[in-house]
Structure formats: C-alpha cells, structure tokens
Amino acid sequence: MPTGIPDDSAMATRVQRARRGVRLRGASVLIAAIVSSSLSAVRSDDAKFPDWPPLLEERFEDKQALDRWEPSDPQAWKLTRQGDNQVASQFQQSEVETPVRSPFNRSVAKDLVVSDFVLDVDLQSTARDYPHRSLCLFFGYQDPAHLYYVHFGQQADEHANQIFIVNGAPRTKISTRTTQGTPWDDKWHRARIVRRVAEGTIEVYFDDLTTPVMTATDTTFGWGQVGIGSFDDTGHFDNVIVRGVRVERPDQPSKPAE
C-alpha cells in the first residue's frame, strides 16, 4: 500500500538526477565563463588598439599554410600535428648564410607589410635545456640585413633575451629593459610585440600581457614584415595574429623617422 515515502531505489534515482542537473548547470556556467573571458580579451584588445584592425590570423590548419610564409630555408619548416591541432614546426637548422651576424631560422608572413602593429604568437621551445635556449620573433623585416627581432633567451646577457636591430651590421642590442631570462619549459607560451613607429616604442610581453618583459625605443625602420623562428634552436608556432596598419613596401630600406 503506498505510503508517500519513496523506496530506496526511487530515492537513489532522484539523487542521481539531482546530481546530474548540478553537473550540467556547473558545466554550462564554466563554458559561459570561458566564452565570456575570450570575448572580454577580444574587447580588451579592441579598446587598446582601436585603429588597428586584424590583418592576419594564421592557425596553420590547412595543408597550404606554409605557402603563406617566406622562410630563410623551406627545408627547416614543416606542419606537424599535436593531438587535434596542427602547428608550424621549425624542426631543424636552416642551411643559410646570413649577410651579417643574425638569426638563421626565420620565416616571415608573405604579402603583409606593416608600420604600427601588435603581434600575438603561441610558441613552444623544443630545444635542449641550456642558458641560451631560445626562440625569436621578427618585425620591421625589410631584407636579411635590415630588421628587428626579439630574442627570448633562457638566461639574459648582451646577446640573449634582448631586443635587437640588424642594420647592415651584426645584430646590436637596443633593449632598455629586460628580465633575467625567459622561463622556458616544454609547454606552450604566449608572446606579444607592440610597435608604434612615430614614437619608436617597442614593447614585448611573455605570458603576462599586462606588463612588458622587454622595452626599447628606436625609429630606424618604419615598416616591415613580421615573422617567427629562432637564432639556432628549434620550436613550434601557432595562432599568429597581427593587428595594425598595413603599408606599401617602398623600393628602398627605410631611413630613421624624422
């Protein structure tokens, strides 16, 4: 005869349903929080760089992705998969001779020349652990003897973990601020460069996109391509995003801004 009191099996079923509902609501809240965080990051960048529209979003997902890049040595680059994701891999040393002392492993985005810009890149070091373990990002690239680059070195010195200029002579440090070194491990990291040509400012970020780890001021090159690579190590790259001001390539390397 019914008593209005559920038996043990009915009670267990109700408890399971209640728990399932809590989990689903919790998952929905988590997903909403992640989406909200991503949208907030996009809106934050829109607020920081209101006049800099997106110019490049490279995810390296299609088979022709590397065709959109100009490497110093195509044989040093390939596409490789990490689970469901495909990334650009600079997996061996480039067989090139640079006109002056500068990074050997370099690949710049084709058909994109910018003045002011913000460059965001996901990067992963695949080199052995040693003081100069490093990866590089390039900008203001006009030719192999005229460019800027950031060297993310594990231990800072005059030739590592600095911002450099290559101006028809061996690379010269121009950074006015840096850290003791870049904390490399085998994980993925996020790097950012913000360049404003008129002021000559260069700000470099690593993981923390609120406080620069390196800064410099230089007006030598007012335009150029952006790129990824290393001095003489190896690494993976993904999610290259450029926002900024597109310009036409002049016939000659640029002179310092007046």
C-alpha atoms as a PDB file:
ATOM      1  CA  MET A   1       0.000   0.000   0.000  1.00  0.00           C
ATOM      2  CA  PRO A   2       1.520   3.387  -0.991  1.00  0.00           C
ATOM      3  CA  THR A   3       2.847   5.386   1.922  1.00  0.00           C
ATOM      4  CA  GLY A   4       4.015   8.545   0.091  1.00  0.00           C
ATOM      5  CA  ILE A   5       7.590   7.730   1.108  1.00  0.00           C
ATOM      6  CA  PRO A   6       9.829   6.666  -1.848  1.00  0.00           C
ATOM      7  CA  ASP A   7      11.671   3.368  -1.552  1.00  0.00           C
ATOM      8  CA  ASP A   8      15.475   3.230  -1.619  1.00  0.00           C
ATOM      9  CA  SER A   9      15.756   2.687  -5.403  1.00  0.00           C
ATOM     10  CA  ALA A  10      13.441   5.598  -6.188  1.00  0.00           C
ATOM     11  CA  MET A  11      15.323   7.850  -3.797  1.00  0.00           C
ATOM     12  CA  ALA A  12      18.651   6.857  -5.374  1.00  0.00           C
ATOM     13  CA  THR A  13      17.294   7.699  -8.833  1.00  0.00           C
ATOM     14  CA  ARG A  14      16.181  11.141  -7.674  1.00  0.00           C
ATOM     15  CA  VAL A  15      19.567  11.831  -6.093  1.00  0.00           C
ATOM     16  CA  GLN A  16      21.379  10.813  -9.306  1.00  0.00           C
ATOM     17  CA  ARG A  17      19.131  13.086 -11.374  1.00  0.00           C
ATOM     18  CA  ALA A  18      19.722  15.973  -8.987  1.00  0.00           C
ATOM     19  CA  ARG A  19      23.484  15.480  -9.131  1.00  0.00           C
ATOM     20  CA  ARG A  20      23.382  15.249 -12.929  1.00  0.00           C
ATOM     21  CA  GLY A  21      21.472  18.517 -13.045  1.00  0.00           C
ATOM     22  CA  VAL A  22      24.049  20.203 -10.825  1.00  0.00           C
ATOM     23  CA  ARG A  23      26.879  18.935 -13.037  1.00  0.00           C
ATOM     24  CA  LEU A  24      25.170  20.158 -16.208  1.00  0.00           C
ATOM     25  CA  ARG A  25      24.468  23.550 -14.687  1.00  0.00           C
ATOM     26  CA  GLY A  26      28.073  23.727 -13.482  1.00  0.00           C
ATOM     27  CA  ALA A  27      29.398  22.829 -16.932  1.00  0.00           C
ATOM     28  CA  SER A  28      27.162  25.458 -18.525  1.00  0.00           C
ATOM     29  CA  VAL A  29      28.449  28.067 -16.103  1.00  0.00           C
ATOM     30  CA  LEU A  30      32.059  27.045 -16.833  1.00  0.00           C
ATOM     31  CA  ILE A  31      31.551  27.202 -20.610  1.00  0.00           C
ATOM     32  CA  ALA A  32      29.836  30.565 -20.294  1.00  0.00           C
ATOM     33  CA  ALA A  33      32.725  31.840 -18.191  1.00  0.00           C
ATOM     34  CA  ILE A  34      35.295  30.680 -20.765  1.00  0.00           C
ATOM     35  CA  VAL A  35      33.374  32.275 -23.644  1.00  0.00           C
ATOM     36  CA  SER A  36      32.919  35.464 -21.636  1.00  0.00           C
ATOM     37  CA  SER A  37      36.635  35.545 -20.833  1.00  0.00           C
ATOM     38  CA  SER A  38      37.577  35.114 -24.508  1.00  0.00           C
ATOM     39  CA  LEU A  39      35.145  37.823 -25.604  1.00  0.00           C
ATOM     40  CA  SER A  40      36.460  40.100 -22.875  1.00  0.00           C
ATOM     41  CA  ALA A  41      40.011  39.563 -24.139  1.00  0.00           C
ATOM     42  CA  VAL A  42      38.939  40.454 -27.686  1.00  0.00           C
ATOM     43  CA  ARG A  43      37.069  43.536 -26.488  1.00  0.00           C
ATOM     44  CA  SER A  44      40.079  44.477 -24.362  1.00  0.00           C
ATOM     45  CA  ASP A  45      42.328  44.383 -27.430  1.00  0.00           C
ATOM     46  CA  ASP A  46      39.735  46.362 -29.395  1.00  0.00           C
ATOM     47  CA  ALA A  47      39.887  49.021 -26.680  1.00  0.00           C
ATOM     48  CA  LYS A  48      43.694  49.070 -26.566  1.00  0.00           C
ATOM     49  CA  PHE A  49      44.172  49.209 -30.339  1.00  0.00           C
ATOM     50  CA  PRO A  50      41.012  50.858 -31.714  1.00  0.00           C
ATOM     51  CA  ASP A  51      42.590  51.906 -35.005  1.00  0.00           C
ATOM     52  CA  TRP A  52      44.404  48.626 -35.638  1.00  0.00           C
ATOM     53  CA  PRO A  53      42.160  46.166 -37.494  1.00  0.00           C
ATOM     54  CA  PRO A  54      43.031  42.458 -37.777  1.00  0.00           C
ATOM     55  CA  LEU A  55      45.382  41.900 -40.723  1.00  0.00           C
ATOM     56  CA  LEU A  56      46.455  38.281 -40.237  1.00  0.00           C
ATOM     57  CA  GLU A  57      45.062  35.287 -38.355  1.00  0.00           C
ATOM     58  CA  GLU A  58      47.222  32.248 -39.078  1.00  0.00           C
ATOM     59  CA  ARG A  59      46.155  28.975 -37.409  1.00  0.00           C
ATOM     60  CA  PHE A  60      48.239  26.668 -39.670  1.00  0.00           C
ATOM     61  CA  GLU A  61      45.240  24.339 -40.058  1.00  0.00           C
ATOM     62  CA  ASP A  62      45.262  23.784 -43.831  1.00  0.00           C
ATOM     63  CA  LYS A  63      47.862  21.948 -45.892  1.00  0.00           C
ATOM     64  CA  GLN A  64      48.889  25.123 -47.728  1.00  0.00           C
ATOM     65  CA  ALA A  65      49.523  27.164 -44.570  1.00  0.00           C
ATOM     66  CA  LEU A  66      53.300  27.329 -45.009  1.00  0.00           C
ATOM     67  CA  ASP A  67      52.844  28.634 -48.561  1.00  0.00           C
ATOM     68  CA  ARG A  68      51.741  31.901 -46.973  1.00  0.00           C
ATOM     69  CA  TRP A  69      55.173  32.322 -45.377  1.00  0.00           C
ATOM     70  CA  GLU A  70      58.668  33.153 -46.639  1.00  0.00           C
ATOM     71  CA  PRO A  71      61.282  31.047 -44.795  1.00  0.00           C
ATOM     72  CA  SER A  72      65.022  31.559 -44.952  1.00  0.00           C
ATOM     73  CA  ASP A  73      65.198  27.800 -45.656  1.00  0.00           C
ATOM     74  CA  PRO A  74      61.971  25.936 -46.539  1.00  0.00           C
ATOM     75  CA  GLN A  75      63.582  22.607 -45.624  1.00  0.00           C
ATOM     76  CA  ALA A  76      63.740  23.648 -41.962  1.00  0.00           C
ATOM     77  CA  TRP A  77      59.962  24.023 -41.651  1.00  0.00           C
ATOM     78  CA  LYS A  78      57.005  21.655 -41.703  1.00  0.00           C
ATOM     79  CA  LEU A  79      53.460  21.309 -40.408  1.00  0.00           C
ATOM     80  CA  THR A  80      53.052  18.887 -37.523  1.00  0.00           C
ATOM     81  CA  ARG A  81      50.090  17.691 -35.500  1.00  0.00           C
ATOM     82  CA  GLN A  82      49.682  17.831 -31.738  1.00  0.00           C
ATOM     83  CA  GLY A  83      46.517  15.906 -30.989  1.00  0.00           C
ATOM     84  CA  ASP A  84      43.711  17.603 -32.912  1.00  0.00           C
ATOM     85  CA  ASN A  85      45.792  20.708 -33.575  1.00  0.00           C
ATOM     86  CA  GLN A  86      48.228  21.447 -36.408  1.00  0.00           C
ATOM     87  CA  VAL A  87      51.151  23.830 -35.863  1.00  0.00           C
ATOM     88  CA  ALA A  88      54.156  25.225 -37.714  1.00  0.00           C
ATOM     89  CA  SER A  89      57.365  23.464 -36.734  1.00  0.00           C
ATOM     90  CA  GLN A  90      60.859  24.823 -37.254  1.00  0.00           C
ATOM     91  CA  PHE A  91      62.295  21.379 -36.632  1.00  0.00           C
ATOM     92  CA  GLN A  92      65.873  21.672 -37.877  1.00  0.00           C
ATOM     93  CA  GLN A  93      68.549  24.236 -38.601  1.00  0.00           C
ATOM     94  CA  SER A  94      68.318  26.349 -41.739  1.00  0.00           C
ATOM     95  CA  GLU A  95      71.111  25.863 -44.251  1.00  0.00           C
ATOM     96  CA  VAL A  96      71.704  29.556 -44.895  1.00  0.00           C
ATOM     97  CA  GLU A  97      74.419  32.158 -44.574  1.00  0.00           C
ATOM     98  CA  THR A  98      73.258  35.482 -43.195  1.00  0.00           C
ATOM     99  CA  PRO A  99      74.931  38.634 -44.580  1.00  0.00           C
ATOM    100  CA  VAL A 100      75.747  39.729 -41.013  1.00  0.00           C
ATOM    101  CA  ARG A 101      75.505  38.062 -37.611  1.00  0.00           C
ATOM    102  CA  SER A 102      71.768  37.497 -37.038  1.00  0.00           C
ATOM    103  CA  PRO A 103      69.286  34.618 -36.558  1.00  0.00           C
ATOM    104  CA  PHE A 104      69.469  31.820 -39.115  1.00  0.00           C
ATOM    105  CA  ASN A 105      65.970  30.378 -38.713  1.00  0.00           C
ATOM    106  CA  ARG A 106      63.390  32.867 -39.898  1.00  0.00           C
ATOM    107  CA  SER A 107      60.037  32.778 -41.661  1.00  0.00           C
ATOM    108  CA  VAL A 108      58.086  35.978 -42.362  1.00  0.00           C
ATOM    109  CA  ALA A 109      54.453  36.350 -43.398  1.00  0.00           C
ATOM    110  CA  LYS A 110      54.055  36.937 -47.128  1.00  0.00           C
ATOM    111  CA  ASP A 111      52.265  39.934 -48.569  1.00  0.00           C
ATOM    112  CA  LEU A 112      51.951  41.758 -45.255  1.00  0.00           C
ATOM    113  CA  VAL A 113      53.958  44.920 -44.585  1.00  0.00           C
ATOM    114  CA  VAL A 114      53.044  46.971 -41.525  1.00  0.00           C
ATOM    115  CA  SER A 115      54.077  50.097 -39.665  1.00  0.00           C
ATOM    116  CA  ASP A 116      52.306  50.161 -36.279  1.00  0.00           C
ATOM    117  CA  PHE A 117      51.163  46.718 -35.129  1.00  0.00           C
ATOM    118  CA  VAL A 118      50.532  44.252 -32.343  1.00  0.00           C
ATOM    119  CA  LEU A 119      51.750  40.704 -32.980  1.00  0.00           C
ATOM    120  CA  ASP A 120      50.479  37.780 -30.877  1.00  0.00           C
ATOM    121  CA  VAL A 121      52.006  34.300 -31.178  1.00  0.00           C
ATOM    122  CA  ASP A 122      51.739  30.980 -29.356  1.00  0.00           C
ATOM    123  CA  LEU A 123      55.169  29.380 -29.180  1.00  0.00           C
ATOM    124  CA  GLN A 124      56.776  26.250 -27.749  1.00  0.00           C
ATOM    125  CA  SER A 125      60.501  25.621 -27.395  1.00  0.00           C
ATOM    126  CA  THR A 126      61.635  22.150 -28.477  1.00  0.00           C
ATOM    127  CA  ALA A 127      65.341  22.736 -27.857  1.00  0.00           C
ATOM    128  CA  ARG A 128      67.500  21.208 -25.144  1.00  0.00           C
ATOM    129  CA  ASP A 129      67.730  22.988 -21.815  1.00  0.00           C
ATOM    130  CA  TYR A 130      70.767  25.312 -21.769  1.00  0.00           C
ATOM    131  CA  PRO A 131      71.406  29.012 -20.938  1.00  0.00           C
ATOM    132  CA  HIS A 132      70.729  30.295 -24.475  1.00  0.00           C
ATOM    133  CA  ARG A 133      67.675  28.116 -25.147  1.00  0.00           C
ATOM    134  CA  SER A 134      65.534  30.496 -27.151  1.00  0.00           C
ATOM    135  CA  LEU A 135      63.000  31.399 -29.805  1.00  0.00           C
ATOM    136  CA  CYS A 136      62.733  34.622 -31.819  1.00  0.00           C
ATOM    137  CA  LEU A 137      60.065  36.882 -33.253  1.00  0.00           C
ATOM    138  CA  PHE A 138      60.872  39.209 -36.140  1.00  0.00           C
ATOM    139  CA  PHE A 139      59.442  42.564 -37.175  1.00  0.00           C
ATOM    140  CA  GLY A 140      60.402  45.538 -39.300  1.00  0.00           C
ATOM    141  CA  TYR A 141      61.903  42.939 -41.642  1.00  0.00           C
ATOM    142  CA  GLN A 142      62.970  44.565 -44.922  1.00  0.00           C
ATOM    143  CA  ASP A 143      65.695  42.188 -46.083  1.00  0.00           C
ATOM    144  CA  PRO A 144      68.166  39.785 -44.392  1.00  0.00           C
ATOM    145  CA  ALA A 145      70.416  42.702 -43.391  1.00  0.00           C
ATOM    146  CA  HIS A 146      67.712  45.108 -42.171  1.00  0.00           C
ATOM    147  CA  LEU A 147      65.318  44.001 -39.436  1.00  0.00           C
ATOM    148  CA  TYR A 148      64.413  43.948 -35.756  1.00  0.00           C
ATOM    149  CA  TYR A 149      63.999  40.816 -33.689  1.00  0.00           C
ATOM    150  CA  VAL A 150      63.199  39.765 -30.148  1.00  0.00           C
ATOM    151  CA  HIS A 151      65.339  37.029 -28.645  1.00  0.00           C
ATOM    152  CA  PHE A 152      63.531  35.144 -25.876  1.00  0.00           C
ATOM    153  CA  GLY A 153      66.588  33.622 -24.196  1.00  0.00           C
ATOM    154  CA  GLN A 154      66.547  31.491 -21.085  1.00  0.00           C
ATOM    155  CA  GLN A 155      69.397  33.439 -19.483  1.00  0.00           C
ATOM    156  CA  ALA A 156      69.838  37.127 -20.268  1.00  0.00           C
ATOM    157  CA  ASP A 157      73.156  38.618 -21.349  1.00  0.00           C
ATOM    158  CA  GLU A 158      74.297  41.071 -24.024  1.00  0.00           C
ATOM    159  CA  HIS A 159      73.333  38.603 -26.763  1.00  0.00           C
ATOM    160  CA  ALA A 160      70.319  36.867 -25.226  1.00  0.00           C
ATOM    161  CA  ASN A 161      66.847  37.820 -24.015  1.00  0.00           C
ATOM    162  CA  GLN A 162      67.029  41.230 -25.649  1.00  0.00           C
ATOM    163  CA  ILE A 163      65.542  43.293 -28.472  1.00  0.00           C
ATOM    164  CA  PHE A 164      67.981  43.642 -31.378  1.00  0.00           C
ATOM    165  CA  ILE A 165      68.390  45.633 -34.563  1.00  0.00           C
ATOM    166  CA  VAL A 166      70.203  44.352 -37.651  1.00  0.00           C
ATOM    167  CA  ASN A 167      71.089  47.372 -39.807  1.00  0.00           C
ATOM    168  CA  GLY A 168      73.683  46.287 -42.331  1.00  0.00           C
ATOM    169  CA  ALA A 169      75.929  45.176 -39.461  1.00  0.00           C
ATOM    170  CA  PRO A 170      75.959  42.407 -36.829  1.00  0.00           C
ATOM    171  CA  ARG A 171      72.950  42.492 -34.508  1.00  0.00           C
ATOM    172  CA  THR A 172      73.031  45.203 -31.854  1.00  0.00           C
ATOM    173  CA  LYS A 173      71.073  45.235 -28.605  1.00  0.00           C
ATOM    174  CA  ILE A 174      68.615  48.133 -28.337  1.00  0.00           C
ATOM    175  CA  SER A 175      66.507  46.999 -25.371  1.00  0.00           C
ATOM    176  CA  THR A 176      66.379  49.405 -22.452  1.00  0.00           C
ATOM    177  CA  ARG A 177      64.611  46.944 -20.190  1.00  0.00           C
ATOM    178  CA  THR A 178      64.616  43.157 -19.918  1.00  0.00           C
ATOM    179  CA  THR A 179      64.387  40.359 -17.359  1.00  0.00           C
ATOM    180  CA  GLN A 180      66.856  37.806 -16.032  1.00  0.00           C
ATOM    181  CA  GLY A 181      65.628  35.385 -18.660  1.00  0.00           C
ATOM    182  CA  THR A 182      62.680  33.672 -20.321  1.00  0.00           C
ATOM    183  CA  PRO A 183      61.347  30.744 -18.244  1.00  0.00           C
ATOM    184  CA  TRP A 184      61.364  28.084 -20.941  1.00  0.00           C
ATOM    185  CA  ASP A 185      59.941  24.616 -20.380  1.00  0.00           C
ATOM    186  CA  ASP A 186      58.226  22.187 -22.750  1.00  0.00           C
ATOM    187  CA  LYS A 187      54.837  23.923 -22.527  1.00  0.00           C
ATOM    188  CA  TRP A 188      53.183  26.413 -24.855  1.00  0.00           C
ATOM    189  CA  HIS A 189      53.522  30.122 -24.082  1.00  0.00           C
ATOM    190  CA  ARG A 190      52.038  33.351 -25.440  1.00  0.00           C
ATOM    191  CA  ALA A 191      54.172  36.246 -26.682  1.00  0.00           C
ATOM    192  CA  ARG A 192      53.223  39.722 -27.865  1.00  0.00           C
ATOM    193  CA  ILE A 193      55.026  42.631 -29.528  1.00  0.00           C
ATOM    194  CA  VAL A 194      53.509  46.113 -29.681  1.00  0.00           C
ATOM    195  CA  ARG A 195      55.209  48.552 -32.072  1.00  0.00           C
ATOM    196  CA  ARG A 196      54.426  52.256 -32.519  1.00  0.00           C
ATOM    197  CA  VAL A 197      56.561  53.776 -35.254  1.00  0.00           C
ATOM    198  CA  ALA A 198      56.138  57.526 -34.639  1.00  0.00           C
ATOM    199  CA  GLU A 199      57.174  57.212 -31.003  1.00  0.00           C
ATOM    200  CA  GLY A 200      59.659  54.460 -31.808  1.00  0.00           C
ATOM    201  CA  THR A 201      58.376  52.340 -28.935  1.00  0.00           C
ATOM    202  CA  ILE A 202      58.687  48.557 -28.798  1.00  0.00           C
ATOM    203  CA  GLU A 203      57.016  46.569 -26.017  1.00  0.00           C
ATOM    204  CA  VAL A 204      57.454  42.816 -25.614  1.00  0.00           C
ATOM    205  CA  TYR A 205      55.264  40.568 -23.464  1.00  0.00           C
ATOM    206  CA  PHE A 206      55.570  36.919 -22.428  1.00  0.00           C
ATOM    207  CA  ASP A 207      52.546  35.105 -20.948  1.00  0.00           C
ATOM    208  CA  ASP A 208      51.540  38.133 -18.852  1.00  0.00           C
ATOM    209  CA  LEU A 209      50.110  40.514 -21.450  1.00  0.00           C
ATOM    210  CA  THR A 210      49.732  43.376 -18.984  1.00  0.00           C
ATOM    211  CA  THR A 211      53.385  44.080 -18.118  1.00  0.00           C
ATOM    212  CA  PRO A 212      56.179  44.137 -20.736  1.00  0.00           C
ATOM    213  CA  VAL A 213      59.256  41.988 -20.133  1.00  0.00           C
ATOM    214  CA  MET A 214      61.338  43.989 -22.628  1.00  0.00           C
ATOM    215  CA  THR A 215      61.148  47.523 -23.990  1.00  0.00           C
ATOM    216  CA  ALA A 216      63.089  49.613 -26.486  1.00  0.00           C
ATOM    217  CA  THR A 217      62.821  52.868 -28.412  1.00  0.00           C
ATOM    218  CA  ASP A 218      64.118  53.041 -31.975  1.00  0.00           C
ATOM    219  CA  THR A 219      62.932  54.774 -35.163  1.00  0.00           C
ATOM    220  CA  THR A 220      65.333  53.262 -37.690  1.00  0.00           C
ATOM    221  CA  PHE A 221      62.796  51.082 -39.515  1.00  0.00           C
ATOM    222  CA  GLY A 222      59.321  52.464 -40.082  1.00  0.00           C
ATOM    223  CA  TRP A 223      57.892  49.448 -41.892  1.00  0.00           C
ATOM    224  CA  GLY A 224      58.484  45.768 -42.455  1.00  0.00           C
ATOM    225  CA  GLN A 225      57.234  42.203 -42.329  1.00  0.00           C
ATOM    226  CA  VAL A 226      56.700  40.140 -39.179  1.00  0.00           C
ATOM    227  CA  GLY A 227      57.895  36.606 -38.595  1.00  0.00           C
ATOM    228  CA  ILE A 228      58.690  33.626 -36.398  1.00  0.00           C
ATOM    229  CA  GLY A 229      61.740  31.433 -35.832  1.00  0.00           C
ATOM    230  CA  SER A 230      64.883  31.102 -33.750  1.00  0.00           C
ATOM    231  CA  PHE A 231      68.533  32.050 -33.739  1.00  0.00           C
ATOM    232  CA  ASP A 232      69.854  28.494 -33.811  1.00  0.00           C
ATOM    233  CA  ASP A 233      67.313  26.397 -31.874  1.00  0.00           C
ATOM    234  CA  THR A 234      64.008  24.707 -32.749  1.00  0.00           C
ATOM    235  CA  GLY A 235      60.372  25.266 -31.835  1.00  0.00           C
ATOM    236  CA  HIS A 236      56.676  25.217 -32.689  1.00  0.00           C
ATOM    237  CA  PHE A 237      54.429  28.183 -33.507  1.00  0.00           C
ATOM    238  CA  ASP A 238      50.672  28.651 -33.726  1.00  0.00           C
ATOM    239  CA  ASN A 239      47.870  31.232 -33.644  1.00  0.00           C
ATOM    240  CA  VAL A 240      49.789  34.108 -35.205  1.00  0.00           C
ATOM    241  CA  ILE A 241      47.585  37.195 -35.058  1.00  0.00           C
ATOM    242  CA  VAL A 242      48.550  40.626 -36.400  1.00  0.00           C
ATOM    243  CA  ARG A 243      46.555  43.811 -35.884  1.00  0.00           C
ATOM    244  CA  GLY A 244      47.876  47.087 -37.176  1.00  0.00           C
ATOM    245  CA  VAL A 245      48.424  49.461 -40.059  1.00  0.00           C
ATOM    246  CA  ARG A 246      49.143  47.930 -43.458  1.00  0.00           C
ATOM    247  CA  VAL A 247      51.536  49.906 -45.680  1.00  0.00           C
ATOM    248  CA  GLU A 248      53.096  49.509 -49.113  1.00  0.00           C
ATOM    249  CA  ARG A 249      56.671  48.317 -49.375  1.00  0.00           C
ATOM    250  CA  PRO A 250      58.974  51.167 -50.513  1.00  0.00           C
ATOM    251  CA  ASP A 251      61.699  50.489 -53.052  1.00  0.00           C
ATOM    252  CA  GLN A 252      64.499  51.023 -50.525  1.00  0.00           C
ATOM    253  CA  PRO A 253      65.027  50.210 -46.821  1.00  0.00           C
ATOM    254  CA  SER A 254      63.527  52.920 -44.653  1.00  0.00           C
ATOM    255  CA  LYS A 255      65.501  55.709 -43.054  1.00  0.00           C
ATOM    256  CA  PRO A 256      65.043  56.750 -39.421  1.00  0.00           C
ATOM    257  CA  ALA A 257      61.874  58.733 -38.797  1.00  0.00           C
ATOM    258  CA  GLU A 258      62.419  62.468 -38.503  1.00  0.00           C
END
